[in-house]
Protein backbone atom coordinates (compact mmCIF):
# COMPACT_ATOMS: atom_id res chain seq x y z
CA UNK A 1 -19.24 -9.86 -8.53
CA UNK A 2 -21.30 -9.34 -5.35
CA UNK A 3 -23.76 -11.78 -3.64
CA UNK A 4 -26.85 -11.23 -5.04
CA UNK A 5 -28.88 -11.15 -2.01
CA UNK A 6 -27.17 -8.31 -0.44
CA UNK A 7 -29.47 -5.41 0.59
CA UNK A 8 -29.59 -2.95 -2.08
CA UNK A 9 -28.07 0.06 0.01
CA UNK A 10 -25.18 -2.33 1.08
CA UNK A 11 -24.52 -3.27 -2.50
CA UNK A 12 -24.39 0.34 -3.80
CA UNK A 13 -22.15 1.25 -0.89
CA UNK A 14 -19.72 -1.30 -1.96
CA UNK A 15 -19.80 -0.63 -5.29
CA UNK A 16 -19.32 2.92 -4.99
CA UNK A 17 -15.94 4.51 -5.98
CA UNK A 18 -13.19 3.90 -3.60
CA UNK A 19 -10.20 5.83 -2.54
CA UNK A 20 -6.93 3.89 -2.81
CA UNK A 21 -4.71 5.18 -0.31
CA UNK A 22 -1.49 3.20 -1.48
CA UNK A 23 -0.22 2.34 -4.74
CA UNK A 24 2.51 2.57 -7.37
CA UNK A 25 2.85 3.19 -10.91
CA UNK A 26 2.30 0.25 -13.30
CA UNK A 27 4.56 -0.74 -16.46
CA UNK A 28 4.13 1.41 -19.48
CA UNK A 29 5.91 -1.00 -21.84
CA UNK A 30 5.13 -4.17 -23.35
CA UNK A 31 5.82 -7.07 -21.13
CA UNK A 32 6.95 -10.38 -22.30
CA UNK A 33 5.36 -13.55 -20.32
CA UNK A 34 8.63 -13.97 -18.41
CA UNK A 35 8.42 -10.22 -17.30
CA UNK A 36 4.84 -10.33 -16.74
CA UNK A 37 5.16 -13.39 -14.42
CA UNK A 38 8.04 -11.65 -12.56
CA UNK A 39 5.48 -8.67 -11.67
CA UNK A 40 2.95 -10.94 -10.19
CA UNK A 41 4.96 -12.75 -7.81
CA UNK A 42 6.51 -11.58 -4.48
CA UNK A 43 9.19 -13.76 -5.01
CA UNK A 44 10.84 -11.63 -7.83
CA UNK A 45 12.27 -14.57 -9.50
CA UNK A 46 11.04 -17.01 -12.20
CA UNK A 47 9.14 -19.67 -11.23
CA UNK A 48 10.72 -23.04 -11.18
CA UNK A 49 11.28 -25.00 -14.46
CA UNK A 50 8.02 -26.65 -15.74
CA UNK A 51 5.62 -24.27 -13.30
CA UNK A 52 4.33 -20.79 -13.65
CA UNK A 53 3.35 -18.36 -11.48
CA UNK A 54 -0.14 -18.29 -13.03
CA UNK A 55 -0.77 -21.04 -10.81
CA UNK A 56 -1.04 -18.90 -7.86
CA UNK A 57 -3.97 -17.31 -5.98
CA UNK A 58 -3.21 -14.10 -8.10
CA UNK A 59 -2.62 -15.96 -11.43
CA UNK A 60 -5.90 -17.70 -11.08
CA UNK A 61 -7.50 -14.40 -10.42
CA UNK A 62 -6.08 -12.60 -13.32
CA UNK A 63 -7.48 -15.40 -15.71
CA UNK A 64 -10.81 -15.17 -13.93
CA UNK A 65 -11.41 -11.44 -13.21
CA UNK A 66 -9.17 -9.63 -15.58
CA UNK A 67 -9.94 -11.67 -18.73
CA UNK A 68 -13.32 -10.33 -19.28
CA UNK A 69 -11.91 -6.80 -19.05
CA UNK A 70 -9.69 -7.42 -22.24
CA UNK A 71 -12.75 -9.15 -23.91
CA UNK A 72 -11.74 -12.64 -23.12
CA UNK A 73 -13.82 -15.67 -21.69
CA UNK A 74 -13.32 -16.27 -17.66
CA UNK A 75 -10.60 -18.70 -16.91
CA UNK A 76 -8.87 -18.37 -20.39
CA UNK A 77 -5.36 -19.82 -20.46
CA UNK A 78 -2.53 -17.65 -19.65
CA UNK A 79 -1.07 -17.81 -23.15
CA UNK A 80 -4.21 -16.49 -24.61
CA UNK A 81 -4.70 -13.74 -21.87
CA UNK A 82 -1.09 -12.49 -22.49
CA UNK A 83 -1.36 -12.71 -26.03
CA UNK A 84 -4.67 -10.54 -26.05
CA UNK A 85 -2.95 -8.20 -23.58
CA UNK A 86 -0.05 -7.60 -26.17
CA UNK A 87 -2.64 -7.22 -29.07
CA UNK A 88 -4.41 -4.13 -27.42
CA UNK A 89 -0.97 -2.94 -26.33
CA UNK A 90 0.01 -1.86 -22.86
CA UNK A 91 -1.53 1.84 -23.28
CA UNK A 92 -5.02 0.33 -23.91
CA UNK A 93 -4.59 -2.56 -21.27
CA UNK A 94 -3.72 -0.16 -18.56
CA UNK A 95 -6.09 2.23 -19.22
CA UNK A 96 -8.94 -0.55 -19.35
CA UNK A 97 -7.87 -2.46 -16.08
CA UNK A 98 -7.33 0.71 -14.07
CA UNK A 99 -10.64 2.14 -15.09
CA UNK A 100 -12.46 -1.10 -14.24
CA UNK A 101 -11.14 -0.80 -10.69
CA UNK A 102 -13.91 1.79 -9.94
CA UNK A 103 -11.34 4.06 -7.97
CA UNK A 104 -12.25 7.77 -7.66
CA UNK A 105 -8.74 8.90 -5.91
CA UNK A 106 -5.49 7.10 -6.08
CA UNK A 107 -2.65 8.25 -3.54
CA UNK A 108 0.63 7.35 -5.33
CA UNK A 109 3.69 6.38 -3.25
CA UNK A 110 6.43 7.91 -5.59
CA UNK A 111 9.40 6.18 -3.73
CA UNK A 112 9.55 3.74 -6.75
CA UNK A 113 9.41 5.99 -9.64
CA UNK A 114 11.51 5.01 -12.97
CA UNK A 115 11.07 5.54 -16.55
CA UNK A 116 9.51 2.04 -17.12
CA UNK A 117 6.34 2.95 -14.80
CA UNK A 118 3.43 5.34 -15.41
CA UNK A 119 3.79 8.60 -13.53
CA UNK A 120 1.47 9.77 -10.74
CA UNK A 121 0.00 12.01 -13.48
CA UNK A 122 -0.12 9.23 -16.03
CA UNK A 123 -2.00 6.90 -13.36
CA UNK A 124 -4.47 9.65 -13.04
CA UNK A 125 -5.24 9.76 -16.71
CA UNK A 126 -5.56 6.27 -17.49
CA UNK A 127 -7.36 5.56 -14.41
CA UNK A 128 -9.71 8.72 -14.55
CA UNK A 129 -9.10 8.98 -10.79
CA UNK A 130 -8.03 12.37 -8.72
CA UNK A 131 -4.14 11.79 -8.09
CA UNK A 132 -2.29 12.90 -4.78
CA UNK A 133 1.44 11.98 -4.06
CA UNK A 134 2.74 10.23 -0.76
CA UNK A 135 6.53 10.87 -0.34
CA UNK A 136 8.71 8.07 0.61
CA UNK A 137 11.05 9.39 3.10
CA UNK A 138 13.92 7.01 2.23
CA UNK A 139 14.06 8.15 -1.29
CA UNK A 140 14.29 11.54 -0.32
CA UNK A 141 17.39 10.50 2.16
CA UNK A 142 18.99 8.76 -0.97
CA UNK A 143 18.52 11.73 -2.83
CA UNK A 144 20.08 14.12 -0.16
CA UNK A 145 23.02 11.75 0.64
CA UNK A 146 24.12 11.79 -2.97
CA UNK A 147 24.15 15.80 -2.81
CA UNK A 148 25.57 16.37 0.85
CA UNK A 149 29.15 17.35 1.20
CA UNK A 150 29.27 17.17 4.85
CA UNK A 151 27.35 15.35 7.96
CA UNK A 152 25.86 18.95 8.86
CA UNK A 153 24.83 19.82 5.53
CA UNK A 154 23.48 16.41 5.00
CA UNK A 155 21.21 16.73 8.49
CA UNK A 156 19.87 20.19 7.58
CA UNK A 157 19.54 19.50 3.96
CA UNK A 158 17.27 16.36 4.97
CA UNK A 159 15.04 18.37 7.12
CA UNK A 160 14.59 20.96 4.42
CA UNK A 161 13.74 18.46 1.60
CA UNK A 162 11.36 16.67 3.62
CA UNK A 163 9.50 19.69 4.47
CA UNK A 164 9.63 20.84 0.71
CA UNK A 165 8.14 17.61 -0.30
CA UNK A 166 5.89 17.22 2.05
CA UNK A 167 4.31 20.66 1.02
CA UNK A 168 3.14 18.76 -2.30
CA UNK A 169 2.14 15.75 -0.79
CA UNK A 170 -0.95 14.55 1.48
CA UNK A 171 1.15 12.11 3.52
CA UNK A 172 4.49 10.26 4.20
CA UNK A 173 5.57 6.76 3.96
CA UNK A 174 8.28 4.60 5.54
CA UNK A 175 9.86 1.26 4.68
CA UNK A 176 11.95 1.10 8.06
CA UNK A 177 10.57 -2.24 8.59
CA UNK A 178 12.35 -3.58 5.38
CA UNK A 179 15.63 -1.61 6.33
CA UNK A 180 16.12 -2.46 10.03
CA UNK A 181 12.86 -3.84 11.18
CA UNK A 182 10.32 -2.53 13.39
CA UNK A 183 11.83 -3.40 16.68
CA UNK A 184 13.73 0.00 16.69
CA UNK A 185 14.74 2.10 19.63
CA UNK A 186 11.67 4.38 19.63
CA UNK A 187 13.64 7.33 21.11
CA UNK A 188 14.97 10.22 19.10
CA UNK A 189 18.61 10.06 18.35
CA UNK A 190 20.95 12.57 19.70
CA UNK A 191 22.18 15.18 17.25
CA UNK A 192 25.95 14.02 17.70
CA UNK A 193 24.98 10.32 17.13
CA UNK A 194 23.18 11.13 13.86
CA UNK A 195 26.30 13.47 12.75
CA UNK A 196 28.67 10.48 13.59
CA UNK A 197 26.30 8.06 11.70
CA UNK A 198 25.88 10.73 8.70
CA UNK A 199 29.73 10.90 8.26
CA UNK A 200 29.81 6.96 7.89
CA UNK A 201 26.96 7.14 5.65
CA UNK A 202 28.67 9.77 3.44
CA UNK A 203 31.41 7.43 2.63
CA UNK A 204 28.92 5.42 0.46
CA UNK A 205 26.10 7.64 -0.24
CA UNK A 206 24.48 5.61 -2.87
CA UNK A 207 24.38 2.49 -0.65
CA UNK A 208 20.84 1.60 0.73
CA UNK A 209 20.33 3.19 4.06
CA UNK A 210 20.29 0.58 6.70
CA UNK A 211 21.99 2.25 9.80
CA UNK A 212 19.31 2.12 12.61
CA UNK A 213 20.38 5.47 14.00
CA UNK A 214 20.04 7.35 10.85
CA UNK A 215 16.81 5.57 9.93
CA UNK A 216 15.76 6.62 13.46
CA UNK A 217 16.81 10.34 12.64
CA UNK A 218 14.92 10.48 9.13
CA UNK A 219 11.89 8.94 10.70
CA UNK A 220 11.65 11.63 13.71
CA UNK A 221 12.68 14.30 11.18
CA UNK A 222 9.59 13.14 9.22
CA UNK A 223 7.28 13.04 12.10
CA UNK A 224 8.22 16.74 13.03
CA UNK A 225 7.12 17.63 9.52
CA UNK A 226 3.81 15.59 9.72
CA UNK A 227 3.10 17.17 12.88
CA UNK A 228 3.53 20.65 11.57
CA UNK A 229 1.52 19.89 8.17
CA UNK A 230 -1.23 17.82 9.61
CA UNK A 231 -0.02 14.64 7.79
CA UNK A 232 -0.13 10.97 8.38
CA UNK A 233 2.81 8.61 8.36
CA UNK A 234 2.52 5.30 6.43
CA UNK A 235 4.62 2.27 7.61
CA UNK A 236 5.06 -0.74 5.30
CA UNK A 237 4.45 -3.74 7.33
CA UNK A 238 4.09 -7.36 7.01
CA UNK A 239 3.69 -8.88 3.47
CA UNK A 240 5.68 -6.36 1.38
CA UNK A 241 6.08 -8.02 -2.04
CA UNK A 242 9.98 -8.09 -1.65
CA UNK A 243 11.70 -11.20 -1.01
CA UNK A 244 14.60 -9.62 0.99
CA UNK A 245 12.03 -8.99 3.84
CA UNK A 246 12.87 -10.44 7.05
CA UNK A 247 9.13 -11.15 7.56
CA UNK A 248 9.43 -11.68 11.43
CA UNK A 249 10.98 -8.06 11.84
CA UNK A 250 8.17 -6.60 9.89
CA UNK A 251 5.33 -7.36 12.83
CA UNK A 252 3.76 -4.08 13.46
CA UNK A 253 3.52 -5.11 17.23
CA UNK A 254 7.40 -4.58 17.36
CA UNK A 255 6.74 -0.93 17.02
CA UNK A 256 4.45 -0.41 20.05
CA UNK A 257 6.80 1.82 21.74
CA UNK A 258 7.25 4.15 18.81
CA UNK A 259 3.34 4.40 18.54
CA UNK A 260 3.11 5.03 22.29
CA UNK A 261 5.74 7.91 21.76
CA UNK A 262 3.70 9.26 19.08
CA UNK A 263 0.50 9.26 20.92
CA UNK A 264 0.81 12.89 22.51
CA UNK A 265 2.21 14.37 19.24
CA UNK A 266 -1.14 13.27 17.37
CA UNK A 267 0.53 12.06 14.01
CA UNK A 268 -1.73 9.41 12.46
CA UNK A 269 0.12 6.23 11.96
CA UNK A 270 -0.95 4.11 9.11
CA UNK A 271 -0.09 0.50 9.07
CA UNK A 272 0.21 -0.87 5.54
CA UNK A 273 -0.36 -4.53 4.30
CA UNK A 274 0.10 -5.87 7.81
CA UNK A 275 -0.45 -9.79 6.76
CA UNK A 276 -0.08 -11.91 8.24
CA UNK A 277 0.15 -9.68 11.27
CA UNK A 278 -3.46 -8.16 10.65
CA UNK A 279 -4.65 -9.21 13.96
CA UNK A 280 -1.72 -7.41 15.67
CA UNK A 281 -2.47 -4.43 13.52
CA UNK A 282 -6.15 -4.56 14.61
CA UNK A 283 -5.13 -4.64 18.15
CA UNK A 284 -3.17 -1.59 17.69
CA UNK A 285 -5.61 0.23 15.71
CA UNK A 286 -8.37 -0.71 18.76
CA UNK A 287 -5.66 0.38 21.39
CA UNK A 288 -4.53 3.58 19.94
CA UNK A 289 -6.45 6.55 19.02
CA UNK A 290 -3.97 7.65 16.20
CA UNK A 291 -3.38 4.24 14.44
CA UNK A 292 -5.11 2.86 11.19
CA UNK A 293 -4.82 -0.16 9.16
CA UNK A 294 -5.19 -1.96 5.88
CA UNK A 295 -4.10 -5.18 4.57
CA UNK A 296 -3.24 -3.79 0.87
CA UNK A 297 -1.90 -6.39 -1.30
CA UNK A 298 -2.57 -9.23 0.88
CA UNK A 299 -6.19 -9.32 -0.27
CA UNK A 300 -4.96 -9.44 -3.99
CA UNK A 301 -2.48 -12.28 -3.39
CA UNK A 302 -4.92 -14.24 -1.23
CA UNK A 303 -7.61 -13.73 -3.87
CA UNK A 304 -10.31 -16.39 -3.19
CA UNK A 305 -9.00 -16.90 0.49
CA UNK A 306 -9.25 -12.81 1.07
CA UNK A 307 -12.66 -13.22 2.73
CA UNK A 308 -11.21 -14.83 5.59
CA UNK A 309 -8.43 -12.20 6.11
CA UNK A 310 -11.11 -9.50 6.02
CA UNK A 311 -12.87 -11.38 8.37
CA UNK A 312 -9.84 -11.64 10.98
CA UNK A 313 -9.34 -7.82 10.50
CA UNK A 314 -13.02 -7.00 11.48
CA UNK A 315 -12.88 -8.98 14.71
CA UNK A 316 -11.23 -6.28 16.81
CA UNK A 317 -10.48 -3.26 14.47
CA UNK A 318 -12.63 -0.08 14.90
CA UNK A 319 -14.53 0.35 11.56
CA UNK A 320 -13.30 4.19 11.18
CA UNK A 321 -9.92 2.85 11.56
CA UNK A 322 -9.97 0.89 8.42
CA UNK A 323 -8.68 1.74 5.02
CA UNK A 324 -8.52 0.53 1.47
CA UNK A 325 -5.52 0.22 -0.76
CA UNK A 326 -4.31 -2.20 -3.70
CA UNK A 327 -0.64 -1.49 -3.25
CA UNK A 328 -0.90 -1.72 -7.20
CA UNK A 329 2.63 -2.10 -8.81
CA UNK A 330 4.03 -3.02 -11.91
CA UNK A 331 0.91 -4.45 -13.61
CA UNK A 332 -2.43 -2.86 -13.86
CA UNK A 333 -4.32 -6.02 -13.24
CA UNK A 334 -3.31 -5.68 -9.41
CA UNK A 335 -5.20 -2.32 -9.13
CA UNK A 336 -8.34 -4.00 -10.60
CA UNK A 337 -8.17 -7.07 -8.43
CA UNK A 338 -7.22 -5.32 -5.43
CA UNK A 339 -10.66 -3.54 -5.58
CA UNK A 340 -12.35 -6.44 -6.84
CA UNK A 341 -11.04 -8.89 -3.78
CA UNK A 342 -11.51 -5.96 -1.36
CA UNK A 343 -15.25 -5.49 -2.60
CA UNK A 344 -16.01 -9.47 -2.45
CA UNK A 345 -14.20 -9.83 0.70
CA UNK A 346 -16.00 -7.13 2.71
CA UNK A 347 -19.47 -8.08 1.06
CA UNK A 348 -19.00 -11.32 2.38
CA UNK A 349 -18.05 -10.14 5.85
CA UNK A 350 -21.04 -7.72 5.84
CA UNK A 351 -23.42 -10.36 4.51
CA UNK A 352 -23.15 -12.91 7.29
CA UNK A 353 -23.20 -10.20 10.08
CA UNK A 354 -26.52 -9.06 8.58
CA UNK A 355 -27.93 -12.38 8.35
CA UNK A 356 -26.81 -13.08 12.21
CA UNK A 357 -28.69 -10.01 13.13
CA UNK A 358 -25.39 -8.46 14.40
CA UNK A 359 -25.48 -5.35 12.15
CA UNK A 360 -28.42 -3.60 10.30
CA UNK A 361 -28.21 -3.09 6.50
CA UNK A 362 -27.88 0.59 7.41
CA UNK A 363 -24.96 -0.07 9.62
CA UNK A 364 -23.25 -2.38 7.10
CA UNK A 365 -23.63 0.42 4.33
CA UNK A 366 -22.14 3.02 6.61
CA UNK A 367 -19.30 0.69 7.29
CA UNK A 368 -18.49 -0.13 3.67
CA UNK A 369 -18.69 3.59 2.91
CA UNK A 370 -15.97 4.42 5.79
CA UNK A 371 -13.60 1.72 4.88
CA UNK A 372 -13.93 2.28 1.02
CA UNK A 373 -13.40 5.86 1.13
CA UNK A 374 -14.91 7.85 3.89
CA UNK A 375 -11.92 7.37 6.49
CA UNK A 376 -9.27 7.85 3.87
CA UNK A 377 -10.77 11.41 2.81
CA UNK A 378 -10.81 12.34 6.45
CA UNK A 379 -7.27 11.03 7.29
CA UNK A 380 -5.58 12.61 4.25
CA UNK A 381 -7.94 15.59 4.15
CA UNK A 382 -8.85 14.93 0.68
């Protein structure tokens, strides 16, 4: 899996258990081929007639790296792979794939919870990893909106519920990038503006929140809670695995004004995914002391090309500002491949720097440890 000529200390650091600081549940039920293919494509749609989503970097990686975990030869056909998966059953396949990732702690974004997905506790039992929760603030808002009777009640309940949910979590996360974009006004809305927007919101509380005033109010209310409890706030940026995302609006550089506004407060900002804006994220992490970055599911979906993405991320990002996440969702293969592609991509970046004399083996091992687990344990106080 890793280059054979890596120094032993570096190899050990790369193979050490990881902290996956952002993932979701995986499906508990048996999947048809069509259902499985929908979950391995960010399009959320079937492949064109006569084609397959297995003919993607991720699909090829599943056949290469996940097949042996299910007792198959590498590069087995998609049909044989899915037949063996069905033969083992979803429970056993999930257990094997999650445990093969070599993860010691998983921070689960519970904003996508459903009966079809393993719960955070079940993810822990299947993977053998310690589990903590990351709360999604838009999901909390949805719950509050559907219960509130009046705008003032809505605002008060929102603050109370954010605080209550944060007390049981190690961090908060937001998908504001996918609701109104990251070029939002960084200022805190006035209470009057928030009440007016809330009145409109409560006229259709089951709708997806897209109002920029209420999204900003929600974000600042979450920041208040995060500051009080010493929690980081994750921002989904860039590639998000959702076809309705306007990608250009998810560039983290667009939220520079908000990042500046948070600097005196000291709330850590964690930029998730970032690709193809990972160089912008690298700059933000270098320029602002409270900003951190990862590339999450980008490594899984670029697969064999992930080494280039990792190398570009390391061009400027302070090493103690980088984190690992799989952004696993839907199928357990994405948890395993997230860890595997991360280790392989980082190994390649470390190897050439050692060979070029830029870093010592001790430096490389220390950096691998920081990115793989050390920084997440520090930021999330695990």
